[in-house]
Protein backbone atom coordinates (compact mmCIF):
# COMPACT_ATOMS: atom_id res chain seq x y z
CA MET A 1 76.74 132.67 -36.07
CA LYS A 2 74.36 132.62 -33.66
CA ALA A 3 70.84 130.26 -34.19
CA ASP A 4 68.03 132.08 -33.52
CA LEU A 5 65.84 129.29 -31.17
CA PRO A 6 62.21 129.58 -29.90
CA LYS A 7 62.17 132.02 -26.62
CA PRO A 8 61.25 129.65 -23.81
CA SER A 9 57.88 130.01 -22.74
CA PHE A 10 57.09 129.57 -18.98
CA PRO A 11 53.86 128.72 -16.94
CA SER A 12 51.91 131.70 -15.56
CA MET A 13 52.68 131.43 -11.32
CA ARG A 14 49.45 133.14 -10.91
CA VAL A 15 47.39 130.89 -9.64
CA GLU A 16 43.37 132.84 -8.83
CA ASP A 17 40.55 131.19 -8.58
CA LYS A 18 42.20 128.51 -5.91
CA VAL A 19 42.45 127.46 -2.32
CA ALA A 20 45.53 127.07 -0.72
CA LEU A 21 46.23 125.83 2.36
CA VAL A 22 49.50 126.68 5.10
CA THR A 23 50.67 125.25 7.71
CA GLY A 24 52.61 126.67 9.66
CA ALA A 25 51.63 130.14 8.52
CA GLY A 26 51.66 132.69 11.41
CA SER A 27 55.76 133.71 12.07
CA GLY A 28 58.47 132.40 9.96
CA LEU A 29 58.77 130.85 5.85
CA GLY A 30 55.16 129.69 6.00
CA LYS A 31 53.76 133.34 6.96
CA SER A 32 56.45 133.94 3.75
CA VAL A 33 54.63 131.73 1.73
CA ALA A 34 51.14 132.48 2.33
CA LEU A 35 52.09 136.41 1.72
CA ALA A 36 52.94 135.39 -2.25
CA LEU A 37 50.45 132.76 -2.23
CA ALA A 38 48.07 135.54 -1.65
CA GLU A 39 49.72 138.07 -3.66
CA ALA A 40 50.16 135.73 -6.42
CA GLY A 41 46.21 135.94 -6.92
CA ALA A 42 45.05 132.43 -4.46
CA ASP A 43 42.38 132.59 -1.36
CA LEU A 44 44.02 131.32 2.06
CA ILE A 45 43.53 128.49 5.26
CA LEU A 46 46.53 129.66 7.65
CA THR A 47 46.99 127.54 10.77
CA GLU A 48 48.98 127.16 13.16
CA LEU A 49 49.07 125.51 16.57
CA PRO A 50 45.45 127.03 19.18
CA GLU A 51 48.55 129.14 21.16
CA ARG A 52 50.04 130.46 18.32
CA MET A 53 46.11 131.74 16.45
CA GLU A 54 47.45 135.04 17.58
CA HIS A 55 49.94 135.08 15.06
CA ALA A 56 47.37 133.56 11.77
CA ARG A 57 45.09 135.82 12.23
CA ALA A 58 48.23 138.79 11.72
CA THR A 59 48.92 136.89 8.85
CA ALA A 60 45.69 136.82 7.31
CA ARG A 61 44.87 140.32 8.26
CA LEU A 62 47.87 140.88 5.95
CA ALA A 63 46.53 138.70 3.24
CA LYS A 64 43.28 140.38 3.33
CA GLU A 65 45.37 143.86 1.78
CA THR A 66 46.02 141.65 -0.93
CA GLY A 67 42.56 141.22 -1.20
CA LYS A 68 42.16 138.67 -1.03
CA GLU A 69 40.05 136.10 1.27
CA ALA A 70 42.69 134.40 4.21
CA PHE A 71 41.26 132.59 7.06
CA PRO A 72 42.67 131.65 10.29
CA VAL A 73 42.52 128.20 11.31
CA SER A 74 43.90 126.34 14.62
CA LEU A 75 45.65 122.87 13.41
CA ASP A 76 47.81 120.12 16.23
CA VAL A 77 49.34 117.38 13.44
CA THR A 78 50.21 115.75 15.82
CA PHE A 79 46.57 115.04 16.97
CA LEU A 80 44.43 113.52 13.80
CA LYS A 81 41.22 115.07 14.81
CA SER A 82 43.19 118.17 14.84
CA ILE A 83 43.91 117.59 11.26
CA LYS A 84 40.35 115.99 10.68
CA LEU A 85 38.12 118.73 11.90
CA MET A 86 40.97 121.39 10.02
CA VAL A 87 39.48 120.20 6.66
CA VAL A 88 36.27 120.16 7.79
CA LYS A 89 35.50 123.73 8.25
CA ALA A 90 38.81 124.29 5.52
CA LEU A 91 35.80 123.15 3.06
CA GLU A 92 33.04 124.21 4.59
CA ARG A 93 34.55 128.37 4.11
CA PHE A 94 36.11 127.01 0.36
CA ASP A 95 35.04 124.06 -0.71
CA LYS A 96 38.20 122.62 -1.86
CA ILE A 97 41.55 122.75 -1.31
CA ASP A 98 43.72 122.97 -4.59
CA ILE A 99 47.52 124.03 -3.46
CA LEU A 100 49.40 121.91 0.23
CA VAL A 101 51.78 124.05 2.01
CA ASN A 102 53.23 121.57 4.63
CA HIS A 103 55.57 124.05 6.62
CA ALA A 104 53.75 123.38 9.83
CA GLY A 105 57.28 122.18 12.53
CA ILE A 106 59.26 123.34 15.56
CA ASN A 107 62.75 123.16 16.73
CA VAL A 108 63.79 121.80 19.99
CA ALA A 109 66.69 122.87 21.24
CA LYS A 110 68.88 120.88 22.78
CA LEU A 111 73.44 120.90 23.20
CA ALA A 112 74.98 118.22 20.06
């Protein structure tokens, strides 16, 4: 005889009224995570390297199709000044950062 167990309760995965900062949001997993967060209700701060900002702007256009705000900002995580400037710009735009997804990275091809 099977016991009547209570049905599990899971927290909502919605993030309405939250602001998510996603580094490396111009392509790959960073872009996918950013778009998923927008679909789930978050406004976005999307960062990308200065020379790749067109990719962050493209991600922002897609995110805005969900009805959420998306703010692309240049960021080079190897320079502290760049990080500080990005945070200032982000907080000027949204006043807060609720969610942080650190996805900036590069692949360096070299022989094994």
